[in-house]
Amino acid sequence: MATAASSQDFRARFKAFSKCVCDGARLMVGQGDYGAYVAHIAKTHPDQTPMTEREFFRNRENARFGVGNTGGFRCC
């Protein structure tokens, strides 16, 4: 029989694993992690204001599809 501690440990490990899988899937389709972006900006560029989540999504989408000659994917 599982104890409460081992049940909580399993849940924590499963949650971490699920986050890793979701983050990997987002990266495979070209969508970065907004939380990681905000943490990076705060750590390495404290004088800059980070993009909003909507701006970040649009920026990553534009980079993925080559909008503005960013060298991303282009179908035509």
PDB file of N, CA and C in Angstrom:
ATOM      1  N   MET A   1       0.842  -1.172   0.000  1.00  0.00           N
ATOM      2  CA  MET A   1       0.000   0.000   0.000  1.00  0.00           C
ATOM      3  C   MET A   1       0.897   1.248   0.000  1.00  0.00           C
ATOM      4  N   ALA A   2       0.522   2.242  -0.801  1.00  0.00           N
ATOM      5  CA  ALA A   2       1.313   3.465  -0.900  1.00  0.00           C
ATOM      6  C   ALA A   2       1.049   4.375   0.285  1.00  0.00           C
ATOM      7  N   THR A   3       2.101   4.998   0.741  1.00  0.00           N
ATOM      8  CA  THR A   3       1.953   5.959   1.833  1.00  0.00           C
ATOM      9  C   THR A   3       1.628   7.334   1.257  1.00  0.00           C
ATOM     10  N   ALA A   4       1.202   8.236   2.117  1.00  0.00           N
ATOM     11  CA  ALA A   4       0.872   9.586   1.659  1.00  0.00           C
ATOM     12  C   ALA A   4       2.100  10.280   1.085  1.00  0.00           C
ATOM     13  N   ALA A   5       3.253  10.068   1.716  1.00  0.00           N
ATOM     14  CA  ALA A   5       4.485  10.700   1.241  1.00  0.00           C
ATOM     15  C   ALA A   5       4.867  10.195  -0.144  1.00  0.00           C
ATOM     16  N   SER A   6       4.776   8.892  -0.369  1.00  0.00           N
ATOM     17  CA  SER A   6       5.154   8.362  -1.679  1.00  0.00           C
ATOM     18  C   SER A   6       4.137   8.780  -2.738  1.00  0.00           C
ATOM     19  N   SER A   7       2.880   8.939  -2.347  1.00  0.00           N
ATOM     20  CA  SER A   7       1.860   9.402  -3.276  1.00  0.00           C
ATOM     21  C   SER A   7       2.136  10.844  -3.691  1.00  0.00           C
ATOM     22  N   GLN A   8       2.517  11.692  -2.733  1.00  0.00           N
ATOM     23  CA  GLN A   8       2.848  13.085  -3.039  1.00  0.00           C
ATOM     24  C   GLN A   8       4.101  13.165  -3.900  1.00  0.00           C
ATOM     25  N   ASP A   9       5.084  12.303  -3.607  1.00  0.00           N
ATOM     26  CA  ASP A   9       6.311  12.277  -4.390  1.00  0.00           C
ATOM     27  C   ASP A   9       6.006  11.900  -5.837  1.00  0.00           C
ATOM     28  N   PHE A  10       5.139  10.901  -6.015  1.00  0.00           N
ATOM     29  CA  PHE A  10       4.757  10.488  -7.363  1.00  0.00           C
ATOM     30  C   PHE A  10       4.075  11.628  -8.098  1.00  0.00           C
ATOM     31  N   ARG A  11       3.164  12.315  -7.419  1.00  0.00           N
ATOM     32  CA  ARG A  11       2.459  13.436  -8.053  1.00  0.00           C
ATOM     33  C   ARG A  11       3.427  14.530  -8.465  1.00  0.00           C
ATOM     34  N   ALA A  12       4.376  14.852  -7.597  1.00  0.00           N
ATOM     35  CA  ALA A  12       5.360  15.895  -7.901  1.00  0.00           C
ATOM     36  C   ALA A  12       6.220  15.492  -9.095  1.00  0.00           C
ATOM     37  N   ARG A  13       6.662  14.235  -9.115  1.00  0.00           N
ATOM     38  CA  ARG A  13       7.489  13.773 -10.239  1.00  0.00           C
ATOM     39  C   ARG A  13       6.680  13.734 -11.534  1.00  0.00           C
ATOM     40  N   PHE A  14       5.406  13.312 -11.441  1.00  0.00           N
ATOM     41  CA  PHE A  14       4.555  13.272 -12.629  1.00  0.00           C
ATOM     42  C   PHE A  14       4.301  14.679 -13.155  1.00  0.00           C
ATOM     43  N   LYS A  15       4.079  15.633 -12.255  1.00  0.00           N
ATOM     44  CA  LYS A  15       3.859  17.024 -12.660  1.00  0.00           C
ATOM     45  C   LYS A  15       5.096  17.580 -13.361  1.00  0.00           C
ATOM     46  N   ALA A  16       6.280  17.304 -12.818  1.00  0.00           N
ATOM     47  CA  ALA A  16       7.523  17.766 -13.438  1.00  0.00           C
ATOM     48  C   ALA A  16       7.719  17.116 -14.812  1.00  0.00           C
ATOM     49  N   PHE A  17       7.427  15.819 -14.902  1.00  0.00           N
ATOM     50  CA  PHE A  17       7.542  15.111 -16.176  1.00  0.00           C
ATOM     51  C   PHE A  17       6.572  15.685 -17.198  1.00  0.00           C
ATOM     52  N   SER A  18       5.336  15.943 -16.781  1.00  0.00           N
ATOM     53  CA  SER A  18       4.325  16.499 -17.689  1.00  0.00           C
ATOM     54  C   SER A  18       4.747  17.864 -18.211  1.00  0.00           C
ATOM     55  N   LYS A  19       5.302  18.696 -17.330  1.00  0.00           N
ATOM     56  CA  LYS A  19       5.767  20.023 -17.745  1.00  0.00           C
ATOM     57  C   LYS A  19       6.889  19.890 -18.773  1.00  0.00           C
ATOM     58  N   CYS A  20       7.776  18.954 -18.535  1.00  0.00           N
ATOM     59  CA  CYS A  20       8.891  18.733 -19.461  1.00  0.00           C
ATOM     60  C   CYS A  20       8.372  18.306 -20.837  1.00  0.00           C
ATOM     61  N   VAL A  21       7.404  17.412 -20.854  1.00  0.00           N
ATOM     62  CA  VAL A  21       6.829  16.946 -22.123  1.00  0.00           C
ATOM     63  C   VAL A  21       6.137  18.103 -22.844  1.00  0.00           C
ATOM     64  N   CYS A  22       5.362  18.880 -22.112  1.00  0.00           N
ATOM     65  CA  CYS A  22       4.663  20.021 -22.721  1.00  0.00           C
ATOM     66  C   CYS A  22       5.643  21.063 -23.248  1.00  0.00           C
ATOM     67  N   ASP A  23       6.685  21.366 -22.481  1.00  0.00           N
ATOM     68  CA  ASP A  23       7.694  22.327 -22.931  1.00  0.00           C
ATOM     69  C   ASP A  23       8.385  21.822 -24.192  1.00  0.00           C
ATOM     70  N   GLY A  24       8.705  20.546 -24.217  1.00  0.00           N
ATOM     71  CA  GLY A  24       9.341  19.957 -25.399  1.00  0.00           C
ATOM     72  C   GLY A  24       8.446  20.042 -26.621  1.00  0.00           C
ATOM     73  N   ALA A  25       7.162  19.768 -26.431  1.00  0.00           N
ATOM     74  CA  ALA A  25       6.213  19.847 -27.547  1.00  0.00           C
ATOM     75  C   ALA A  25       6.108  21.280 -28.064  1.00  0.00           C
ATOM     76  N   ARG A  26       6.071  22.252 -27.157  1.00  0.00           N
ATOM     77  CA  ARG A  26       6.006  23.659 -27.582  1.00  0.00           C
ATOM     78  C   ARG A  26       7.243  24.042 -28.388  1.00  0.00           C
ATOM     79  N   LEU A  27       8.400  23.601 -27.932  1.00  0.00           N
ATOM     80  CA  LEU A  27       9.631  23.924 -28.647  1.00  0.00           C
ATOM     81  C   LEU A  27       9.669  23.267 -30.021  1.00  0.00           C
ATOM     82  N   MET A  28       9.093  22.065 -30.137  1.00  0.00           N
ATOM     83  CA  MET A  28       9.075  21.382 -31.435  1.00  0.00           C
ATOM     84  C   MET A  28       8.253  22.139 -32.473  1.00  0.00           C
ATOM     85  N   VAL A  29       7.238  22.859 -32.021  1.00  0.00           N
ATOM     86  CA  VAL A  29       6.412  23.610 -32.959  1.00  0.00           C
ATOM     87  C   VAL A  29       6.788  25.088 -32.988  1.00  0.00           C
ATOM     88  N   GLY A  30       7.884  25.445 -32.328  1.00  0.00           N
ATOM     89  CA  GLY A  30       8.393  26.798 -32.415  1.00  0.00           C
ATOM     90  C   GLY A  30       7.844  27.771 -31.396  1.00  0.00           C
ATOM     91  N   GLN A  31       7.192  27.302 -30.362  1.00  0.00           N
ATOM     92  CA  GLN A  31       6.680  28.198 -29.329  1.00  0.00           C
ATOM     93  C   GLN A  31       7.532  28.071 -28.084  1.00  0.00           C
ATOM     94  N   GLY A  32       8.214  29.127 -27.736  1.00  0.00           N
ATOM     95  CA  GLY A  32       9.048  29.132 -26.549  1.00  0.00           C
ATOM     96  C   GLY A  32       8.219  29.227 -25.275  1.00  0.00           C
ATOM     97  N   ASP A  33       8.869  29.130 -24.148  1.00  0.00           N
ATOM     98  CA  ASP A  33       8.229  29.194 -22.845  1.00  0.00           C
ATOM     99  C   ASP A  33       8.287  30.639 -22.347  1.00  0.00           C
ATOM    100  N   TYR A  34       7.122  31.263 -22.188  1.00  0.00           N
ATOM    101  CA  TYR A  34       7.064  32.660 -21.768  1.00  0.00           C
ATOM    102  C   TYR A  34       7.704  32.855 -20.394  1.00  0.00           C
ATOM    103  N   GLY A  35       7.461  31.947 -19.473  1.00  0.00           N
ATOM    104  CA  GLY A  35       8.042  32.045 -18.136  1.00  0.00           C
ATOM    105  C   GLY A  35       9.562  32.030 -18.175  1.00  0.00           C
ATOM    106  N   ALA A  36      10.122  31.167 -19.015  1.00  0.00           N
ATOM    107  CA  ALA A  36      11.581  31.100 -19.154  1.00  0.00           C
ATOM    108  C   ALA A  36      12.106  32.396 -19.771  1.00  0.00           C
ATOM    109  N   TYR A  37      11.362  32.952 -20.724  1.00  0.00           N
ATOM    110  CA  TYR A  37      11.754  34.209 -21.349  1.00  0.00           C
ATOM    111  C   TYR A  37      11.787  35.341 -20.318  1.00  0.00           C
ATOM    112  N   VAL A  38      10.731  35.438 -19.503  1.00  0.00           N
ATOM    113  CA  VAL A  38      10.662  36.496 -18.491  1.00  0.00           C
ATOM    114  C   VAL A  38      11.806  36.341 -17.486  1.00  0.00           C
ATOM    115  N   ALA A  39      12.088  35.101 -17.063  1.00  0.00           N
ATOM    116  CA  ALA A  39      13.189  34.861 -16.126  1.00  0.00           C
ATOM    117  C   ALA A  39      14.525  35.258 -16.752  1.00  0.00           C
ATOM    118  N   HIS A  40      14.721  34.959 -18.032  1.00  0.00           N
ATOM    119  CA  HIS A  40      15.950  35.315 -18.735  1.00  0.00           C
ATOM    120  C   HIS A  40      16.120  36.833 -18.797  1.00  0.00           C
ATOM    121  N   ILE A  41      15.044  37.534 -19.154  1.00  0.00           N
ATOM    122  CA  ILE A  41      15.117  38.993 -19.250  1.00  0.00           C
ATOM    123  C   ILE A  41      15.446  39.594 -17.887  1.00  0.00           C
ATOM    124  N   ALA A  42      14.789  39.091 -16.844  1.00  0.00           N
ATOM    125  CA  ALA A  42      15.030  39.619 -15.496  1.00  0.00           C
ATOM    126  C   ALA A  42      16.474  39.388 -15.052  1.00  0.00           C
ATOM    127  N   LYS A  43      17.033  38.249 -15.425  1.00  0.00           N
ATOM    128  CA  LYS A  43      18.388  37.901 -14.996  1.00  0.00           C
ATOM    129  C   LYS A  43      19.471  38.601 -15.818  1.00  0.00           C
ATOM    130  N   THR A  44      19.314  38.627 -17.130  1.00  0.00           N
ATOM    131  CA  THR A  44      20.390  39.113 -17.990  1.00  0.00           C
ATOM    132  C   THR A  44      20.186  40.524 -18.518  1.00  0.00           C
ATOM    133  N   HIS A  45      18.954  41.007 -18.499  1.00  0.00           N
ATOM    134  CA  HIS A  45      18.655  42.353 -19.003  1.00  0.00           C
ATOM    135  C   HIS A  45      17.707  43.070 -18.034  1.00  0.00           C
ATOM    136  N   PRO A  46      18.137  43.307 -16.802  1.00  0.00           N
ATOM    137  CA  PRO A  46      17.229  43.868 -15.800  1.00  0.00           C
ATOM    138  C   PRO A  46      16.716  45.267 -16.137  1.00  0.00           C
ATOM    139  N   ASP A  47      17.398  45.965 -17.041  1.00  0.00           N
ATOM    140  CA  ASP A  47      16.971  47.305 -17.425  1.00  0.00           C
ATOM    141  C   ASP A  47      15.871  47.294 -18.486  1.00  0.00           C
ATOM    142  N   GLN A  48      15.586  46.137 -19.091  1.00  0.00           N
ATOM    143  CA  GLN A  48      14.576  46.035 -20.143  1.00  0.00           C
ATOM    144  C   GLN A  48      13.251  45.548 -19.581  1.00  0.00           C
ATOM    145  N   THR A  49      12.178  46.033 -20.160  1.00  0.00           N
ATOM    146  CA  THR A  49      10.838  45.549 -19.817  1.00  0.00           C
ATOM    147  C   THR A  49      10.526  44.375 -20.730  1.00  0.00           C
ATOM    148  N   PRO A  50      10.157  43.227 -20.188  1.00  0.00           N
ATOM    149  CA  PRO A  50       9.852  42.087 -21.045  1.00  0.00           C
ATOM    150  C   PRO A  50       8.583  42.322 -21.869  1.00  0.00           C
ATOM    151  N   MET A  51       8.502  41.640 -23.001  1.00  0.00           N
ATOM    152  CA  MET A  51       7.302  41.712 -23.823  1.00  0.00           C
ATOM    153  C   MET A  51       6.132  41.126 -23.030  1.00  0.00           C
ATOM    154  N   THR A  52       4.933  41.541 -23.398  1.00  0.00           N
ATOM    155  CA  THR A  52       3.759  40.905 -22.810  1.00  0.00           C
ATOM    156  C   THR A  52       3.664  39.498 -23.379  1.00  0.00           C
ATOM    157  N   GLU A  53       2.835  38.683 -22.774  1.00  0.00           N
ATOM    158  CA  GLU A  53       2.692  37.308 -23.270  1.00  0.00           C
ATOM    159  C   GLU A  53       2.184  37.304 -24.707  1.00  0.00           C
ATOM    160  N   ARG A  54       1.279  38.200 -25.033  1.00  0.00           N
ATOM    161  CA  ARG A  54       0.755  38.288 -26.402  1.00  0.00           C
ATOM    162  C   ARG A  54       1.851  38.712 -27.375  1.00  0.00           C
ATOM    163  N   GLU A  55       2.651  39.714 -26.996  1.00  0.00           N
ATOM    164  CA  GLU A  55       3.754  40.162 -27.848  1.00  0.00           C
ATOM    165  C   GLU A  55       4.778  39.047 -28.041  1.00  0.00           C
ATOM    166  N   PHE A  56       5.065  38.307 -26.968  1.00  0.00           N
ATOM    167  CA  PHE A  56       6.011  37.202 -27.044  1.00  0.00           C
ATOM    168  C   PHE A  56       5.517  36.134 -28.023  1.00  0.00           C
ATOM    169  N   PHE A  57       4.238  35.765 -27.894  1.00  0.00           N
ATOM    170  CA  PHE A  57       3.664  34.767 -28.791  1.00  0.00           C
ATOM    171  C   PHE A  57       3.769  35.230 -30.240  1.00  0.00           C
ATOM    172  N   ARG A  58       3.408  36.476 -30.501  1.00  0.00           N
ATOM    173  CA  ARG A  58       3.453  37.010 -31.862  1.00  0.00           C
ATOM    174  C   ARG A  58       4.894  37.045 -32.377  1.00  0.00           C
ATOM    175  N   ASN A  59       5.829  37.438 -31.535  1.00  0.00           N
ATOM    176  CA  ASN A  59       7.239  37.481 -31.914  1.00  0.00           C
ATOM    177  C   ASN A  59       7.740  36.095 -32.313  1.00  0.00           C
ATOM    178  N   ARG A  60       7.425  35.092 -31.513  1.00  0.00           N
ATOM    179  CA  ARG A  60       7.863  33.728 -31.810  1.00  0.00           C
ATOM    180  C   ARG A  60       7.187  33.202 -33.070  1.00  0.00           C
ATOM    181  N   GLU A  61       5.915  33.532 -33.257  1.00  0.00           N
ATOM    182  CA  GLU A  61       5.202  33.107 -34.459  1.00  0.00           C
ATOM    183  C   GLU A  61       5.792  33.763 -35.697  1.00  0.00           C
ATOM    184  N   ASN A  62       6.097  35.050 -35.627  1.00  0.00           N
ATOM    185  CA  ASN A  62       6.712  35.752 -36.758  1.00  0.00           C
ATOM    186  C   ASN A  62       8.082  35.164 -37.087  1.00  0.00           C
ATOM    187  N   ALA A  63       8.864  34.856 -36.060  1.00  0.00           N
ATOM    188  CA  ALA A  63      10.179  34.261 -36.297  1.00  0.00           C
ATOM    189  C   ALA A  63      10.040  32.881 -36.934  1.00  0.00           C
ATOM    190  N   ARG A  64       9.050  32.146 -36.505  1.00  0.00           N
ATOM    191  CA  ARG A  64       8.843  30.794 -37.043  1.00  0.00           C
ATOM    192  C   ARG A  64       8.471  30.828 -38.518  1.00  0.00           C
ATOM    193  N   PHE A  65       7.634  31.794 -38.914  1.00  0.00           N
ATOM    194  CA  PHE A  65       7.145  31.829 -40.288  1.00  0.00           C
ATOM    195  C   PHE A  65       7.852  32.850 -41.171  1.00  0.00           C
ATOM    196  N   GLY A  66       8.932  33.440 -40.690  1.00  0.00           N
ATOM    197  CA  GLY A  66       9.752  34.299 -41.530  1.00  0.00           C
ATOM    198  C   GLY A  66       9.171  35.662 -41.803  1.00  0.00           C
ATOM    199  N   VAL A  67       8.301  36.152 -40.941  1.00  0.00           N
ATOM    200  CA  VAL A  67       7.744  37.491 -41.134  1.00  0.00           C
ATOM    201  C   VAL A  67       8.833  38.509 -40.847  1.00  0.00           C
ATOM    202  N   GLY A  68       8.977  39.477 -41.715  1.00  0.00           N
ATOM    203  CA  GLY A  68       9.989  40.523 -41.521  1.00  0.00           C
ATOM    204  C   GLY A  68      11.397  40.048 -41.820  1.00  0.00           C
ATOM    205  N   ASN A  69      11.543  39.072 -42.718  1.00  0.00           N
ATOM    206  CA  ASN A  69      12.857  38.559 -43.110  1.00  0.00           C
ATOM    207  C   ASN A  69      13.701  38.096 -41.934  1.00  0.00           C
ATOM    208  N   THR A  70      13.103  37.361 -41.003  1.00  0.00           N
ATOM    209  CA  THR A  70      13.843  36.882 -39.846  1.00  0.00           C
ATOM    210  C   THR A  70      14.530  35.552 -40.131  1.00  0.00           C
ATOM    211  N   GLY A  71      14.388  35.038 -41.350  1.00  0.00           N
ATOM    212  CA  GLY A  71      15.069  33.813 -41.701  1.00  0.00           C
ATOM    213  C   GLY A  71      14.337  32.552 -41.265  1.00  0.00           C
ATOM    214  N   GLY A  72      13.075  32.707 -40.868  1.00  0.00           N
ATOM    215  CA  GLY A  72      12.320  31.544 -40.439  1.00  0.00           C
ATOM    216  C   GLY A  72      11.765  30.774 -41.634  1.00  0.00           C
ATOM    217  N   PHE A  73      10.876  29.856 -41.373  1.00  0.00           N
ATOM    218  CA  PHE A  73      10.251  29.028 -42.385  1.00  0.00           C
ATOM    219  C   PHE A  73       9.419  29.859 -43.356  1.00  0.00           C
ATOM    220  N   ARG A  74       9.554  29.571 -44.637  1.00  0.00           N
ATOM    221  CA  ARG A  74       8.716  30.204 -45.650  1.00  0.00           C
ATOM    222  C   ARG A  74       8.245  29.123 -46.597  1.00  0.00           C
ATOM    223  N   CYS A  75       6.961  29.140 -46.896  1.00  0.00           N
ATOM    224  CA  CYS A  75       6.433  28.110 -47.794  1.00  0.00           C
ATOM    225  C   CYS A  75       6.516  28.530 -49.243  1.00  0.00           C
ATOM    226  N   CYS A  76       6.614  29.815 -49.557  1.00  0.00           N
ATOM    227  CA  CYS A  76       6.630  30.264 -50.955  1.00  0.00           C
ATOM    228  C   CYS A  76       7.777  31.231 -51.196  1.00  0.00           C
TER     229      CYS A  76
END
